[in-house]
């Protein structure tokens, strides 16, 4: 019974976590980034960012620091970037970030839903 109750609570918490991630995204990232089909002049779209090659969109001019990065945007790469954009990719135009690990996780979990 306890296991079933824990499972039900976990399922109920998932949409709340996504809503928190969406709200954190809107509050911290949404002034520059969009989740639509195309990038803006200020920032690339983040729709489908998880699993995408770093600096791969052709409709956005990335900094040399991001162009020099190899690999894809994984959860851990996004976490490192959001923690300290300038450390991850020196010279990036991205500013700010998210110092709280829980906030970063919620934002990344939300980004994972944007296919």
C-alpha atoms as a PDB file:
ATOM      1  CA  UNK A   1       0.000   0.000   0.000  1.00  0.00           C
ATOM      2  CA  UNK A   2       2.812   2.444   0.863  1.00  0.00           C
ATOM      3  CA  UNK A   3       4.561   1.748  -2.434  1.00  0.00           C
ATOM      4  CA  UNK A   4       1.345   2.363  -4.371  1.00  0.00           C
ATOM      5  CA  UNK A   5       0.746   5.591  -2.455  1.00  0.00           C
ATOM      6  CA  UNK A   6       4.295   6.772  -3.147  1.00  0.00           C
ATOM      7  CA  UNK A   7       3.796   5.999  -6.845  1.00  0.00           C
ATOM      8  CA  UNK A   8       0.545   7.989  -6.972  1.00  0.00           C
ATOM      9  CA  UNK A   9       2.201  10.932  -5.191  1.00  0.00           C
ATOM     10  CA  UNK A  10       5.141  10.822  -7.619  1.00  0.00           C
ATOM     11  CA  UNK A  11       2.800  10.845 -10.618  1.00  0.00           C
ATOM     12  CA  UNK A  12       0.853  13.745  -9.182  1.00  0.00           C
ATOM     13  CA  UNK A  13       4.049  15.696  -8.547  1.00  0.00           C
ATOM     14  CA  UNK A  14       5.350  15.407 -12.124  1.00  0.00           C
ATOM     15  CA  UNK A  15       2.981  17.984 -13.715  1.00  0.00           C
ATOM     16  CA  UNK A  16       3.691  20.361 -10.835  1.00  0.00           C
ATOM     17  CA  UNK A  17       7.427  20.053 -11.459  1.00  0.00           C
ATOM     18  CA  UNK A  18       6.911  20.743 -15.169  1.00  0.00           C
ATOM     19  CA  UNK A  19       4.777  23.781 -14.323  1.00  0.00           C
ATOM     20  CA  UNK A  20       7.511  25.001 -12.011  1.00  0.00           C
ATOM     21  CA  UNK A  21      10.092  24.505 -14.764  1.00  0.00           C
ATOM     22  CA  UNK A  22       7.882  26.319 -17.258  1.00  0.00           C
ATOM     23  CA  UNK A  23       7.378  29.201 -14.837  1.00  0.00           C
ATOM     24  CA  UNK A  24      11.108  29.386 -14.079  1.00  0.00           C
ATOM     25  CA  UNK A  25      11.828  29.332 -17.810  1.00  0.00           C
ATOM     26  CA  UNK A  26       9.340  32.138 -18.432  1.00  0.00           C
ATOM     27  CA  UNK A  27      10.690  34.204 -15.538  1.00  0.00           C
ATOM     28  CA  UNK A  28      14.407  33.693 -16.237  1.00  0.00           C
ATOM     29  CA  UNK A  29      14.801  32.767 -19.900  1.00  0.00           C
ATOM     30  CA  UNK A  30      11.651  33.851 -21.703  1.00  0.00           C
ATOM     31  CA  UNK A  31      12.647  37.478 -22.176  1.00  0.00           C
ATOM     32  CA  UNK A  32      15.245  36.371 -24.761  1.00  0.00           C
ATOM     33  CA  UNK A  33      14.507  32.755 -25.696  1.00  0.00           C
ATOM     34  CA  UNK A  34      11.422  31.466 -27.460  1.00  0.00           C
ATOM     35  CA  UNK A  35      10.132  27.927 -27.791  1.00  0.00           C
ATOM     36  CA  UNK A  36       8.703  28.442 -31.254  1.00  0.00           C
ATOM     37  CA  UNK A  37       9.949  27.155 -34.567  1.00  0.00           C
ATOM     38  CA  UNK A  38      12.438  29.958 -35.255  1.00  0.00           C
ATOM     39  CA  UNK A  39      15.098  31.813 -33.304  1.00  0.00           C
ATOM     40  CA  UNK A  40      14.980  35.520 -32.532  1.00  0.00           C
ATOM     41  CA  UNK A  41      17.834  37.948 -33.228  1.00  0.00           C
ATOM     42  CA  UNK A  42      18.646  37.836 -29.499  1.00  0.00           C
ATOM     43  CA  UNK A  43      18.647  34.104 -28.797  1.00  0.00           C
ATOM     44  CA  UNK A  44      18.115  30.700 -30.405  1.00  0.00           C
ATOM     45  CA  UNK A  45      14.842  28.866 -30.037  1.00  0.00           C
ATOM     46  CA  UNK A  46      14.950  26.266 -27.294  1.00  0.00           C
ATOM     47  CA  UNK A  47      12.316  24.016 -28.822  1.00  0.00           C
ATOM     48  CA  UNK A  48      14.034  20.650 -29.180  1.00  0.00           C
ATOM     49  CA  UNK A  49      17.258  21.852 -27.566  1.00  0.00           C
ATOM     50  CA  UNK A  50      17.783  18.678 -25.523  1.00  0.00           C
ATOM     51  CA  UNK A  51      19.627  16.270 -27.793  1.00  0.00           C
ATOM     52  CA  UNK A  52      20.451  18.924 -30.401  1.00  0.00           C
ATOM     53  CA  UNK A  53      24.056  19.577 -31.407  1.00  0.00           C
ATOM     54  CA  UNK A  54      25.512  22.598 -29.651  1.00  0.00           C
ATOM     55  CA  UNK A  55      25.422  25.752 -31.836  1.00  0.00           C
ATOM     56  CA  UNK A  56      23.691  23.868 -34.651  1.00  0.00           C
ATOM     57  CA  UNK A  57      20.799  26.096 -35.672  1.00  0.00           C
ATOM     58  CA  UNK A  58      21.368  27.896 -38.941  1.00  0.00           C
ATOM     59  CA  UNK A  59      19.009  30.770 -38.113  1.00  0.00           C
ATOM     60  CA  UNK A  60      21.087  32.074 -35.196  1.00  0.00           C
ATOM     61  CA  UNK A  61      24.584  33.584 -35.052  1.00  0.00           C
ATOM     62  CA  UNK A  62      26.351  31.817 -32.156  1.00  0.00           C
ATOM     63  CA  UNK A  63      29.397  33.123 -30.322  1.00  0.00           C
ATOM     64  CA  UNK A  64      32.812  31.677 -31.084  1.00  0.00           C
ATOM     65  CA  UNK A  65      32.781  30.080 -27.612  1.00  0.00           C
ATOM     66  CA  UNK A  66      29.662  28.067 -28.385  1.00  0.00           C
ATOM     67  CA  UNK A  67      30.758  27.270 -31.938  1.00  0.00           C
ATOM     68  CA  UNK A  68      33.938  25.757 -30.466  1.00  0.00           C
ATOM     69  CA  UNK A  69      31.944  23.354 -28.277  1.00  0.00           C
ATOM     70  CA  UNK A  70      31.543  19.755 -29.384  1.00  0.00           C
ATOM     71  CA  UNK A  71      28.673  17.406 -28.655  1.00  0.00           C
ATOM     72  CA  UNK A  72      25.007  17.810 -27.934  1.00  0.00           C
ATOM     73  CA  UNK A  73      22.878  19.595 -25.391  1.00  0.00           C
ATOM     74  CA  UNK A  74      22.459  16.904 -22.763  1.00  0.00           C
ATOM     75  CA  UNK A  75      20.998  17.501 -19.328  1.00  0.00           C
ATOM     76  CA  UNK A  76      24.482  17.781 -17.856  1.00  0.00           C
ATOM     77  CA  UNK A  77      25.710  20.153 -20.590  1.00  0.00           C
ATOM     78  CA  UNK A  78      22.665  22.381 -20.091  1.00  0.00           C
ATOM     79  CA  UNK A  79      23.206  22.269 -16.327  1.00  0.00           C
ATOM     80  CA  UNK A  80      26.825  23.410 -16.705  1.00  0.00           C
ATOM     81  CA  UNK A  81      25.831  26.143 -19.157  1.00  0.00           C
ATOM     82  CA  UNK A  82      22.995  27.444 -16.990  1.00  0.00           C
ATOM     83  CA  UNK A  83      25.199  27.382 -13.893  1.00  0.00           C
ATOM     84  CA  UNK A  84      27.837  29.600 -15.515  1.00  0.00           C
ATOM     85  CA  UNK A  85      27.443  30.469 -19.188  1.00  0.00           C
ATOM     86  CA  UNK A  86      30.798  32.288 -19.373  1.00  0.00           C
ATOM     87  CA  UNK A  87      32.672  29.364 -17.824  1.00  0.00           C
ATOM     88  CA  UNK A  88      30.998  26.862 -20.150  1.00  0.00           C
ATOM     89  CA  UNK A  89      31.532  28.936 -23.311  1.00  0.00           C
ATOM     90  CA  UNK A  90      33.762  31.997 -22.791  1.00  0.00           C
ATOM     91  CA  UNK A  91      32.537  34.938 -24.843  1.00  0.00           C
ATOM     92  CA  UNK A  92      28.968  33.711 -25.119  1.00  0.00           C
ATOM     93  CA  UNK A  93      26.292  36.375 -25.301  1.00  0.00           C
ATOM     94  CA  UNK A  94      24.248  34.442 -22.755  1.00  0.00           C
ATOM     95  CA  UNK A  95      24.171  36.224 -19.440  1.00  0.00           C
ATOM     96  CA  UNK A  96      22.741  35.321 -16.095  1.00  0.00           C
ATOM     97  CA  UNK A  97      22.063  31.653 -15.740  1.00  0.00           C
ATOM     98  CA  UNK A  98      20.611  29.929 -12.691  1.00  0.00           C
ATOM     99  CA  UNK A  99      22.676  29.479  -9.564  1.00  0.00           C
ATOM    100  CA  UNK A 100      20.181  27.222  -7.767  1.00  0.00           C
ATOM    101  CA  UNK A 101      20.632  23.542  -8.754  1.00  0.00           C
ATOM    102  CA  UNK A 102      16.931  22.839  -8.188  1.00  0.00           C
ATOM    103  CA  UNK A 103      15.925  25.681 -10.494  1.00  0.00           C
ATOM    104  CA  UNK A 104      18.322  24.456 -13.182  1.00  0.00           C
ATOM    105  CA  UNK A 105      16.922  20.930 -12.923  1.00  0.00           C
ATOM    106  CA  UNK A 106      13.338  22.193 -13.194  1.00  0.00           C
ATOM    107  CA  UNK A 107      14.181  24.317 -16.246  1.00  0.00           C
ATOM    108  CA  UNK A 108      16.016  21.427 -17.918  1.00  0.00           C
ATOM    109  CA  UNK A 109      13.151  19.033 -17.155  1.00  0.00           C
ATOM    110  CA  UNK A 110      10.802  21.532 -18.791  1.00  0.00           C
ATOM    111  CA  UNK A 111      13.092  21.893 -21.832  1.00  0.00           C
ATOM    112  CA  UNK A 112      13.036  18.094 -22.223  1.00  0.00           C
ATOM    113  CA  UNK A 113       9.282  18.307 -22.845  1.00  0.00           C
ATOM    114  CA  UNK A 114       9.686  20.725 -25.776  1.00  0.00           C
ATOM    115  CA  UNK A 115      10.020  18.355 -28.714  1.00  0.00           C
END
